[in-house]
Amino acid sequence: MNSLEPDDTAVYYCAAVFAGDVRPPPD
């Protein structure tokens, strides 16, 4: 993460999805 701004303040979570070959990765 570059050029960070105060609005970027948050808890950042990592997550994994199991749904076969889905592209692009889901949002």
mmCIF file of all heavy atoms, coordinates in Angstrom:
data_MODEL
# 
_entry.id   MODEL 
# 
loop_
_atom_site.group_PDB 
_atom_site.id 
_atom_site.type_symbol 
_atom_site.label_atom_id 
_atom_site.label_alt_id 
_atom_site.label_comp_id 
_atom_site.label_asym_id 
_atom_site.label_entity_id 
_atom_site.label_seq_id 
_atom_site.pdbx_PDB_ins_code 
_atom_site.Cartn_x 
_atom_site.Cartn_y 
_atom_site.Cartn_z 
_atom_site.occupancy 
_atom_site.B_iso_or_equiv 
_atom_site.pdbx_formal_charge 
_atom_site.auth_seq_id 
_atom_site.auth_comp_id 
_atom_site.auth_asym_id 
_atom_site.auth_atom_id 
_atom_site.pdbx_PDB_model_num 
ATOM 1   N N   . MET A 1 1  ? 0.843   -1.191  0.000   1.00 0.00 ? 1  MET A N   1 
ATOM 2   C CA  . MET A 1 1  ? 0.000   0.000   0.000   1.00 0.00 ? 1  MET A CA  1 
ATOM 3   C C   . MET A 1 1  ? 0.879   1.243   0.000   1.00 0.00 ? 1  MET A C   1 
ATOM 4   O O   . MET A 1 1  ? 1.687   1.442   0.907   1.00 0.00 ? 1  MET A O   1 
ATOM 5   C CB  . MET A 1 1  ? -0.909  -0.005  1.232   1.00 0.00 ? 1  MET A CB  1 
ATOM 6   C CG  . MET A 1 1  ? -1.781  -1.248  1.318   1.00 0.00 ? 1  MET A CG  1 
ATOM 7   S SD  . MET A 1 1  ? -2.881  -1.238  2.745   1.00 0.00 ? 1  MET A SD  1 
ATOM 8   C CE  . MET A 1 1  ? -1.697  -1.516  4.070   1.00 0.00 ? 1  MET A CE  1 
ATOM 9   N N   . ASN A 1 2  ? 0.736   2.048   -1.028  1.00 0.00 ? 2  ASN A N   1 
ATOM 10  C CA  . ASN A 1 2  ? 1.512   3.280   -1.170  1.00 0.00 ? 2  ASN A CA  1 
ATOM 11  C C   . ASN A 1 2  ? 0.595   4.493   -1.130  1.00 0.00 ? 2  ASN A C   1 
ATOM 12  O O   . ASN A 1 2  ? -0.630  4.369   -1.302  1.00 0.00 ? 2  ASN A O   1 
ATOM 13  C CB  . ASN A 1 2  ? 2.288   3.251   -2.488  1.00 0.00 ? 2  ASN A CB  1 
ATOM 14  C CG  . ASN A 1 2  ? 3.266   2.109   -2.580  1.00 0.00 ? 2  ASN A CG  1 
ATOM 15  O OD1 . ASN A 1 2  ? 3.855   1.698   -1.578  1.00 0.00 ? 2  ASN A OD1 1 
ATOM 16  N ND2 . ASN A 1 2  ? 3.456   1.596   -3.786  1.00 0.00 ? 2  ASN A ND2 1 
ATOM 17  N N   . SER A 1 3  ? 1.187   5.641   -0.916  1.00 0.00 ? 3  SER A N   1 
ATOM 18  C CA  . SER A 1 3  ? 0.432   6.909   -0.878  1.00 0.00 ? 3  SER A CA  1 
ATOM 19  C C   . SER A 1 3  ? -0.787  6.795   0.034   1.00 0.00 ? 3  SER A C   1 
ATOM 20  O O   . SER A 1 3  ? -1.905  7.161   -0.334  1.00 0.00 ? 3  SER A O   1 
ATOM 21  C CB  . SER A 1 3  ? -0.007  7.307   -2.296  1.00 0.00 ? 3  SER A CB  1 
ATOM 22  O OG  . SER A 1 3  ? 1.105   7.438   -3.150  1.00 0.00 ? 3  SER A OG  1 
ATOM 23  N N   . LEU A 1 4  ? -0.537  6.288   1.206   1.00 0.00 ? 4  LEU A N   1 
ATOM 24  C CA  . LEU A 1 4  ? -1.644  6.035   2.132   1.00 0.00 ? 4  LEU A CA  1 
ATOM 25  C C   . LEU A 1 4  ? -2.269  7.343   2.605   1.00 0.00 ? 4  LEU A C   1 
ATOM 26  O O   . LEU A 1 4  ? -1.579  8.355   2.775   1.00 0.00 ? 4  LEU A O   1 
ATOM 27  C CB  . LEU A 1 4  ? -1.160  5.205   3.315   1.00 0.00 ? 4  LEU A CB  1 
ATOM 28  C CG  . LEU A 1 4  ? -0.960  3.728   2.991   1.00 0.00 ? 4  LEU A CG  1 
ATOM 29  C CD1 . LEU A 1 4  ? -0.089  3.060   4.042   1.00 0.00 ? 4  LEU A CD1 1 
ATOM 30  C CD2 . LEU A 1 4  ? -2.311  3.026   2.885   1.00 0.00 ? 4  LEU A CD2 1 
ATOM 31  N N   . GLU A 1 5  ? -3.574  7.272   2.817   1.00 0.00 ? 5  GLU A N   1 
ATOM 32  C CA  . GLU A 1 5  ? -4.357  8.419   3.261   1.00 0.00 ? 5  GLU A CA  1 
ATOM 33  C C   . GLU A 1 5  ? -5.064  8.054   4.561   1.00 0.00 ? 5  GLU A C   1 
ATOM 34  O O   . GLU A 1 5  ? -5.293  6.869   4.830   1.00 0.00 ? 5  GLU A O   1 
ATOM 35  C CB  . GLU A 1 5  ? -5.386  8.759   2.183   1.00 0.00 ? 5  GLU A CB  1 
ATOM 36  C CG  . GLU A 1 5  ? -4.796  9.003   0.806   1.00 0.00 ? 5  GLU A CG  1 
ATOM 37  C CD  . GLU A 1 5  ? -5.843  8.959   -0.289  1.00 0.00 ? 5  GLU A CD  1 
ATOM 38  O OE1 . GLU A 1 5  ? -7.015  8.621   0.014   1.00 0.00 ? 5  GLU A OE1 1 
ATOM 39  O OE2 . GLU A 1 5  ? -5.483  9.236   -1.455  1.00 0.00 ? 5  GLU A OE2 1 
ATOM 40  N N   . PRO A 1 6  ? -5.432  9.058   5.346   1.00 0.00 ? 6  PRO A N   1 
ATOM 41  C CA  . PRO A 1 6  ? -6.157  8.745   6.595   1.00 0.00 ? 6  PRO A CA  1 
ATOM 42  C C   . PRO A 1 6  ? -7.405  7.893   6.365   1.00 0.00 ? 6  PRO A C   1 
ATOM 43  O O   . PRO A 1 6  ? -7.756  7.068   7.211   1.00 0.00 ? 6  PRO A O   1 
ATOM 44  C CB  . PRO A 1 6  ? -6.508  10.130  7.136   1.00 0.00 ? 6  PRO A CB  1 
ATOM 45  C CG  . PRO A 1 6  ? -5.390  10.999  6.652   1.00 0.00 ? 6  PRO A CG  1 
ATOM 46  C CD  . PRO A 1 6  ? -5.064  10.486  5.281   1.00 0.00 ? 6  PRO A CD  1 
ATOM 47  N N   . ASP A 1 7  ? -8.047  8.047   5.218   1.00 0.00 ? 7  ASP A N   1 
ATOM 48  C CA  . ASP A 1 7  ? -9.235  7.243   4.924   1.00 0.00 ? 7  ASP A CA  1 
ATOM 49  C C   . ASP A 1 7  ? -8.920  5.769   4.704   1.00 0.00 ? 7  ASP A C   1 
ATOM 50  O O   . ASP A 1 7  ? -9.835  4.940   4.651   1.00 0.00 ? 7  ASP A O   1 
ATOM 51  C CB  . ASP A 1 7  ? -9.960  7.788   3.681   1.00 0.00 ? 7  ASP A CB  1 
ATOM 52  C CG  . ASP A 1 7  ? -10.758 9.048   3.981   1.00 0.00 ? 7  ASP A CG  1 
ATOM 53  O OD1 . ASP A 1 7  ? -10.950 9.357   5.189   1.00 0.00 ? 7  ASP A OD1 1 
ATOM 54  O OD2 . ASP A 1 7  ? -11.191 9.716   3.031   1.00 0.00 ? 7  ASP A OD2 1 
ATOM 55  N N   . ASP A 1 8  ? -7.658  5.444   4.579   1.00 0.00 ? 8  ASP A N   1 
ATOM 56  C CA  . ASP A 1 8  ? -7.263  4.036   4.449   1.00 0.00 ? 8  ASP A CA  1 
ATOM 57  C C   . ASP A 1 8  ? -7.185  3.347   5.804   1.00 0.00 ? 8  ASP A C   1 
ATOM 58  O O   . ASP A 1 8  ? -6.964  2.130   5.871   1.00 0.00 ? 8  ASP A O   1 
ATOM 59  C CB  . ASP A 1 8  ? -5.911  3.923   3.749   1.00 0.00 ? 8  ASP A CB  1 
ATOM 60  C CG  . ASP A 1 8  ? -5.970  4.382   2.304   1.00 0.00 ? 8  ASP A CG  1 
ATOM 61  O OD1 . ASP A 1 8  ? -6.922  4.028   1.603   1.00 0.00 ? 8  ASP A OD1 1 
ATOM 62  O OD2 . ASP A 1 8  ? -5.032  5.106   1.878   1.00 0.00 ? 8  ASP A OD2 1 
ATOM 63  N N   . THR A 1 9  ? -7.359  4.093   6.863   1.00 0.00 ? 9  THR A N   1 
ATOM 64  C CA  . THR A 1 9  ? -7.337  3.515   8.200   1.00 0.00 ? 9  THR A CA  1 
ATOM 65  C C   . THR A 1 9  ? -8.479  2.524   8.365   1.00 0.00 ? 9  THR A C   1 
ATOM 66  O O   . THR A 1 9  ? -9.644  2.843   8.129   1.00 0.00 ? 9  THR A O   1 
ATOM 67  C CB  . THR A 1 9  ? -7.463  4.623   9.260   1.00 0.00 ? 9  THR A CB  1 
ATOM 68  O OG1 . THR A 1 9  ? -6.308  5.456   9.195   1.00 0.00 ? 9  THR A OG1 1 
ATOM 69  C CG2 . THR A 1 9  ? -7.584  4.021   10.659  1.00 0.00 ? 9  THR A CG2 1 
ATOM 70  N N   . ALA A 1 10 ? -8.126  1.301   8.728   1.00 0.00 ? 10 ALA A N   1 
ATOM 71  C CA  . ALA A 1 10 ? -9.121  0.235   8.843   1.00 0.00 ? 10 ALA A CA  1 
ATOM 72  C C   . ALA A 1 10 ? -8.438  -1.023  9.357   1.00 0.00 ? 10 ALA A C   1 
ATOM 73  O O   . ALA A 1 10 ? -7.211  -1.101  9.420   1.00 0.00 ? 10 ALA A O   1 
ATOM 74  C CB  . ALA A 1 10 ? -9.770  -0.060  7.491   1.00 0.00 ? 10 ALA A CB  1 
ATOM 75  N N   . VAL A 1 11 ? -9.250  -2.003  9.681   1.00 0.00 ? 11 VAL A N   1 
ATOM 76  C CA  . VAL A 1 11 ? -8.740  -3.355  9.896   1.00 0.00 ? 11 VAL A CA  1 
ATOM 77  C C   . VAL A 1 11 ? -8.756  -4.053  8.537   1.00 0.00 ? 11 VAL A C   1 
ATOM 78  O O   . VAL A 1 11 ? -9.782  -4.066  7.854   1.00 0.00 ? 11 VAL A O   1 
ATOM 79  C CB  . VAL A 1 11 ? -9.591  -4.137  10.912  1.00 0.00 ? 11 VAL A CB  1 
ATOM 80  C CG1 . VAL A 1 11 ? -9.058  -5.558  11.041  1.00 0.00 ? 11 VAL A CG1 1 
ATOM 81  C CG2 . VAL A 1 11 ? -9.587  -3.431  12.262  1.00 0.00 ? 11 VAL A CG2 1 
ATOM 82  N N   . TYR A 1 12 ? -7.629  -4.590  8.167   1.00 0.00 ? 12 TYR A N   1 
ATOM 83  C CA  . TYR A 1 12 ? -7.495  -5.259  6.878   1.00 0.00 ? 12 TYR A CA  1 
ATOM 84  C C   . TYR A 1 12 ? -7.577  -6.768  7.086   1.00 0.00 ? 12 TYR A C   1 
ATOM 85  O O   . TYR A 1 12 ? -6.831  -7.329  7.890   1.00 0.00 ? 12 TYR A O   1 
ATOM 86  C CB  . TYR A 1 12 ? -6.184  -4.867  6.215   1.00 0.00 ? 12 TYR A CB  1 
ATOM 87  C CG  . TYR A 1 12 ? -6.248  -3.489  5.618   1.00 0.00 ? 12 TYR A CG  1 
ATOM 88  C CD1 . TYR A 1 12 ? -6.272  -2.357  6.425   1.00 0.00 ? 12 TYR A CD1 1 
ATOM 89  C CD2 . TYR A 1 12 ? -6.316  -3.309  4.230   1.00 0.00 ? 12 TYR A CD2 1 
ATOM 90  C CE1 . TYR A 1 12 ? -6.374  -1.079  5.878   1.00 0.00 ? 12 TYR A CE1 1 
ATOM 91  C CE2 . TYR A 1 12 ? -6.409  -2.039  3.676   1.00 0.00 ? 12 TYR A CE2 1 
ATOM 92  C CZ  . TYR A 1 12 ? -6.438  -0.936  4.502   1.00 0.00 ? 12 TYR A CZ  1 
ATOM 93  O OH  . TYR A 1 12 ? -6.532  0.331   3.962   1.00 0.00 ? 12 TYR A OH  1 
ATOM 94  N N   . TYR A 1 13 ? -8.481  -7.379  6.347   1.00 0.00 ? 13 TYR A N   1 
ATOM 95  C CA  . TYR A 1 13 ? -8.733  -8.812  6.477   1.00 0.00 ? 13 TYR A CA  1 
ATOM 96  C C   . TYR A 1 13 ? -8.318  -9.548  5.207   1.00 0.00 ? 13 TYR A C   1 
ATOM 97  O O   . TYR A 1 13 ? -8.576  -9.096  4.100   1.00 0.00 ? 13 TYR A O   1 
ATOM 98  C CB  . TYR A 1 13 ? -10.220 -9.073  6.707   1.00 0.00 ? 13 TYR A CB  1 
ATOM 99  C CG  . TYR A 1 13 ? -10.769 -8.529  7.998   1.00 0.00 ? 13 TYR A CG  1 
ATOM 100 C CD1 . TYR A 1 13 ? -11.347 -7.271  8.047   1.00 0.00 ? 13 TYR A CD1 1 
ATOM 101 C CD2 . TYR A 1 13 ? -10.717 -9.286  9.162   1.00 0.00 ? 13 TYR A CD2 1 
ATOM 102 C CE1 . TYR A 1 13 ? -11.861 -6.767  9.221   1.00 0.00 ? 13 TYR A CE1 1 
ATOM 103 C CE2 . TYR A 1 13 ? -11.237 -8.793  10.356  1.00 0.00 ? 13 TYR A CE2 1 
ATOM 104 C CZ  . TYR A 1 13 ? -11.800 -7.538  10.376  1.00 0.00 ? 13 TYR A CZ  1 
ATOM 105 O OH  . TYR A 1 13 ? -12.307 -7.038  11.553  1.00 0.00 ? 13 TYR A OH  1 
ATOM 106 N N   . CYS A 1 14 ? -7.737  -10.707 5.411   1.00 0.00 ? 14 CYS A N   1 
ATOM 107 C CA  . CYS A 1 14 ? -7.430  -11.612 4.330   1.00 0.00 ? 14 CYS A CA  1 
ATOM 108 C C   . CYS A 1 14 ? -8.532  -12.671 4.265   1.00 0.00 ? 14 CYS A C   1 
ATOM 109 O O   . CYS A 1 14 ? -9.051  -13.086 5.306   1.00 0.00 ? 14 CYS A O   1 
ATOM 110 C CB  . CYS A 1 14 ? -6.073  -12.260 4.599   1.00 0.00 ? 14 CYS A CB  1 
ATOM 111 S SG  . CYS A 1 14 ? -5.579  -13.511 3.427   1.00 0.00 ? 14 CYS A SG  1 
ATOM 112 N N   . ALA A 1 15 ? -8.870  -13.098 3.060   1.00 0.00 ? 15 ALA A N   1 
ATOM 113 C CA  . ALA A 1 15 ? -9.922  -14.093 2.903   1.00 0.00 ? 15 ALA A CA  1 
ATOM 114 C C   . ALA A 1 15 ? -9.594  -15.019 1.748   1.00 0.00 ? 15 ALA A C   1 
ATOM 115 O O   . ALA A 1 15 ? -8.896  -14.629 0.809   1.00 0.00 ? 15 ALA A O   1 
ATOM 116 C CB  . ALA A 1 15 ? -11.264 -13.406 2.654   1.00 0.00 ? 15 ALA A CB  1 
ATOM 117 N N   . ALA A 1 16 ? -10.107 -16.241 1.833   1.00 0.00 ? 16 ALA A N   1 
ATOM 118 C CA  . ALA A 1 16 ? -9.889  -17.237 0.785   1.00 0.00 ? 16 ALA A CA  1 
ATOM 119 C C   . ALA A 1 16 ? -11.230 -17.742 0.255   1.00 0.00 ? 16 ALA A C   1 
ATOM 120 O O   . ALA A 1 16 ? -12.174 -17.933 1.021   1.00 0.00 ? 16 ALA A O   1 
ATOM 121 C CB  . ALA A 1 16 ? -9.077  -18.408 1.330   1.00 0.00 ? 16 ALA A CB  1 
ATOM 122 N N   . VAL A 1 17 ? -11.277 -17.941 -1.028  1.00 0.00 ? 17 VAL A N   1 
ATOM 123 C CA  . VAL A 1 17 ? -12.495 -18.435 -1.674  1.00 0.00 ? 17 VAL A CA  1 
ATOM 124 C C   . VAL A 1 17 ? -12.189 -19.742 -2.394  1.00 0.00 ? 17 VAL A C   1 
ATOM 125 O O   . VAL A 1 17 ? -11.124 -19.893 -3.009  1.00 0.00 ? 17 VAL A O   1 
ATOM 126 C CB  . VAL A 1 17 ? -13.077 -17.389 -2.647  1.00 0.00 ? 17 VAL A CB  1 
ATOM 127 C CG1 . VAL A 1 17 ? -12.071 -16.974 -3.704  1.00 0.00 ? 17 VAL A CG1 1 
ATOM 128 C CG2 . VAL A 1 17 ? -14.368 -17.901 -3.285  1.00 0.00 ? 17 VAL A CG2 1 
ATOM 129 N N   . PHE A 1 18 ? -13.128 -20.673 -2.294  1.00 0.00 ? 18 PHE A N   1 
ATOM 130 C CA  . PHE A 1 18 ? -13.012 -21.973 -2.952  1.00 0.00 ? 18 PHE A CA  1 
ATOM 131 C C   . PHE A 1 18 ? -14.194 -22.090 -3.909  1.00 0.00 ? 18 PHE A C   1 
ATOM 132 O O   . PHE A 1 18 ? -15.307 -22.426 -3.502  1.00 0.00 ? 18 PHE A O   1 
ATOM 133 C CB  . PHE A 1 18 ? -13.032 -23.095 -1.914  1.00 0.00 ? 18 PHE A CB  1 
ATOM 134 C CG  . PHE A 1 18 ? -11.797 -23.155 -1.075  1.00 0.00 ? 18 PHE A CG  1 
ATOM 135 C CD1 . PHE A 1 18 ? -11.551 -22.202 -0.089  1.00 0.00 ? 18 PHE A CD1 1 
ATOM 136 C CD2 . PHE A 1 18 ? -10.855 -24.147 -1.272  1.00 0.00 ? 18 PHE A CD2 1 
ATOM 137 C CE1 . PHE A 1 18 ? -10.399 -22.240 0.671   1.00 0.00 ? 18 PHE A CE1 1 
ATOM 138 C CE2 . PHE A 1 18 ? -9.696  -24.210 -0.506  1.00 0.00 ? 18 PHE A CE2 1 
ATOM 139 C CZ  . PHE A 1 18 ? -9.469  -23.258 0.457   1.00 0.00 ? 18 PHE A CZ  1 
ATOM 140 N N   . ALA A 1 19 ? -13.977 -21.754 -5.172  1.00 0.00 ? 19 ALA A N   1 
ATOM 141 C CA  . ALA A 1 19 ? -15.078 -21.734 -6.135  1.00 0.00 ? 19 ALA A CA  1 
ATOM 142 C C   . ALA A 1 19 ? -14.629 -22.146 -7.523  1.00 0.00 ? 19 ALA A C   1 
ATOM 143 O O   . ALA A 1 19 ? -15.178 -21.675 -8.517  1.00 0.00 ? 19 ALA A O   1 
ATOM 144 C CB  . ALA A 1 19 ? -15.700 -20.339 -6.172  1.00 0.00 ? 19 ALA A CB  1 
ATOM 145 N N   . GLY A 1 20 ? -13.624 -23.001 -7.593  1.00 0.00 ? 20 GLY A N   1 
ATOM 146 C CA  . GLY A 1 20 ? -13.138 -23.407 -8.903  1.00 0.00 ? 20 GLY A CA  1 
ATOM 147 C C   . GLY A 1 20 ? -12.314 -22.303 -9.537  1.00 0.00 ? 20 GLY A C   1 
ATOM 148 O O   . GLY A 1 20 ? -11.828 -21.390 -8.866  1.00 0.00 ? 20 GLY A O   1 
ATOM 149 N N   . ASP A 1 21 ? -12.177 -22.372 -10.833 1.00 0.00 ? 21 ASP A N   1 
ATOM 150 C CA  . ASP A 1 21 ? -11.344 -21.410 -11.558 1.00 0.00 ? 21 ASP A CA  1 
ATOM 151 C C   . ASP A 1 21 ? -12.169 -20.168 -11.903 1.00 0.00 ? 21 ASP A C   1 
ATOM 152 O O   . ASP A 1 21 ? -12.598 -19.983 -13.042 1.00 0.00 ? 21 ASP A O   1 
ATOM 153 C CB  . ASP A 1 21 ? -10.773 -22.053 -12.820 1.00 0.00 ? 21 ASP A CB  1 
ATOM 154 C CG  . ASP A 1 21 ? -9.739  -21.164 -13.487 1.00 0.00 ? 21 ASP A CG  1 
ATOM 155 O OD1 . ASP A 1 21 ? -9.262  -20.210 -12.830 1.00 0.00 ? 21 ASP A OD1 1 
ATOM 156 O OD2 . ASP A 1 21 ? -9.409  -21.404 -14.659 1.00 0.00 ? 21 ASP A OD2 1 
ATOM 157 N N   . VAL A 1 22 ? -12.383 -19.319 -10.918 1.00 0.00 ? 22 VAL A N   1 
ATOM 158 C CA  . VAL A 1 22 ? -13.194 -18.119 -11.131 1.00 0.00 ? 22 VAL A CA  1 
ATOM 159 C C   . VAL A 1 22 ? -12.265 -16.938 -11.373 1.00 0.00 ? 22 VAL A C   1 
ATOM 160 O O   . VAL A 1 22 ? -11.385 -16.632 -10.586 1.00 0.00 ? 22 VAL A O   1 
ATOM 161 C CB  . VAL A 1 22 ? -14.115 -17.875 -9.918  1.00 0.00 ? 22 VAL A CB  1 
ATOM 162 C CG1 . VAL A 1 22 ? -13.332 -17.804 -8.623  1.00 0.00 ? 22 VAL A CG1 1 
ATOM 163 C CG2 . VAL A 1 22 ? -14.965 -16.635 -10.120 1.00 0.00 ? 22 VAL A CG2 1 
ATOM 164 N N   . ARG A 1 23 ? -12.482 -16.266 -12.500 1.00 0.00 ? 23 ARG A N   1 
ATOM 165 C CA  . ARG A 1 23 ? -11.657 -15.119 -12.880 1.00 0.00 ? 23 ARG A CA  1 
ATOM 166 C C   . ARG A 1 23 ? -12.550 -14.033 -13.471 1.00 0.00 ? 23 ARG A C   1 
ATOM 167 O O   . ARG A 1 23 ? -13.401 -14.344 -14.303 1.00 0.00 ? 23 ARG A O   1 
ATOM 168 C CB  . ARG A 1 23 ? -10.590 -15.534 -13.898 1.00 0.00 ? 23 ARG A CB  1 
ATOM 169 C CG  . ARG A 1 23 ? -9.617  -16.545 -13.362 1.00 0.00 ? 23 ARG A CG  1 
ATOM 170 C CD  . ARG A 1 23 ? -8.606  -17.014 -14.418 1.00 0.00 ? 23 ARG A CD  1 
ATOM 171 N NE  . ARG A 1 23 ? -7.910  -18.206 -13.971 1.00 0.00 ? 23 ARG A NE  1 
ATOM 172 C CZ  . ARG A 1 23 ? -6.723  -18.187 -13.359 1.00 0.00 ? 23 ARG A CZ  1 
ATOM 173 N NH1 . ARG A 1 23 ? -6.111  -17.041 -13.119 1.00 0.00 ? 23 ARG A NH1 1 
ATOM 174 N NH2 . ARG A 1 23 ? -6.144  -19.312 -12.982 1.00 0.00 ? 23 ARG A NH2 1 
ATOM 175 N N   . PRO A 1 24 ? -12.341 -12.789 -13.097 1.00 0.00 ? 24 PRO A N   1 
ATOM 176 C CA  . PRO A 1 24 ? -11.345 -12.369 -12.111 1.00 0.00 ? 24 PRO A CA  1 
ATOM 177 C C   . PRO A 1 24 ? -11.737 -12.816 -10.711 1.00 0.00 ? 24 PRO A C   1 
ATOM 178 O O   . PRO A 1 24 ? -12.897 -13.174 -10.471 1.00 0.00 ? 24 PRO A O   1 
ATOM 179 C CB  . PRO A 1 24 ? -11.373 -10.845 -12.243 1.00 0.00 ? 24 PRO A CB  1 
ATOM 180 C CG  . PRO A 1 24 ? -12.756 -10.531 -12.688 1.00 0.00 ? 24 PRO A CG  1 
ATOM 181 C CD  . PRO A 1 24 ? -13.142 -11.648 -13.592 1.00 0.00 ? 24 PRO A CD  1 
ATOM 182 N N   . PRO A 1 25 ? -10.814 -12.762 -9.776  1.00 0.00 ? 25 PRO A N   1 
ATOM 183 C CA  . PRO A 1 25 ? -11.158 -13.130 -8.402  1.00 0.00 ? 25 PRO A CA  1 
ATOM 184 C C   . PRO A 1 25 ? -12.308 -12.261 -7.884  1.00 0.00 ? 25 PRO A C   1 
ATOM 185 O O   . PRO A 1 25 ? -12.358 -11.072 -8.186  1.00 0.00 ? 25 PRO A O   1 
ATOM 186 C CB  . PRO A 1 25 ? -9.868  -12.839 -7.624  1.00 0.00 ? 25 PRO A CB  1 
ATOM 187 C CG  . PRO A 1 25 ? -8.790  -12.879 -8.646  1.00 0.00 ? 25 PRO A CG  1 
ATOM 188 C CD  . PRO A 1 25 ? -9.402  -12.389 -9.912  1.00 0.00 ? 25 PRO A CD  1 
ATOM 189 N N   . PRO A 1 26 ? -13.219 -12.825 -7.157  1.00 0.00 ? 26 PRO A N   1 
ATOM 190 C CA  . PRO A 1 26 ? -14.423 -12.086 -6.764  1.00 0.00 ? 26 PRO A CA  1 
ATOM 191 C C   . PRO A 1 26 ? -14.157 -10.924 -5.821  1.00 0.00 ? 26 PRO A C   1 
ATOM 192 O O   . PRO A 1 26 ? -13.213 -10.949 -5.036  1.00 0.00 ? 26 PRO A O   1 
ATOM 193 C CB  . PRO A 1 26 ? -15.297 -13.153 -6.104  1.00 0.00 ? 26 PRO A CB  1 
ATOM 194 C CG  . PRO A 1 26 ? -14.362 -14.235 -5.711  1.00 0.00 ? 26 PRO A CG  1 
ATOM 195 C CD  . PRO A 1 26 ? -13.251 -14.215 -6.696  1.00 0.00 ? 26 PRO A CD  1 
ATOM 196 N N   . ASP A 1 27 ? -15.017 -9.918  -5.921  1.00 0.00 ? 27 ASP A N   1 
ATOM 197 C CA  . ASP A 1 27 ? -14.905 -8.760  -5.052  1.00 0.00 ? 27 ASP A CA  1 
ATOM 198 C C   . ASP A 1 27 ? -16.038 -8.711  -4.022  1.00 0.00 ? 27 ASP A C   1 
ATOM 199 O O   . ASP A 1 27 ? -16.154 -7.733  -3.289  1.00 0.00 ? 27 ASP A O   1 
ATOM 200 C CB  . ASP A 1 27 ? -14.897 -7.478  -5.869  1.00 0.00 ? 27 ASP A CB  1 
ATOM 201 C CG  . ASP A 1 27 ? -16.134 -7.308  -6.743  1.00 0.00 ? 27 ASP A CG  1 
ATOM 202 O OD1 . ASP A 1 27 ? -17.078 -8.132  -6.635  1.00 0.00 ? 27 ASP A OD1 1 
ATOM 203 O OD2 . ASP A 1 27 ? -16.164 -6.356  -7.545  1.00 0.00 ? 27 ASP A OD2 1 
# 
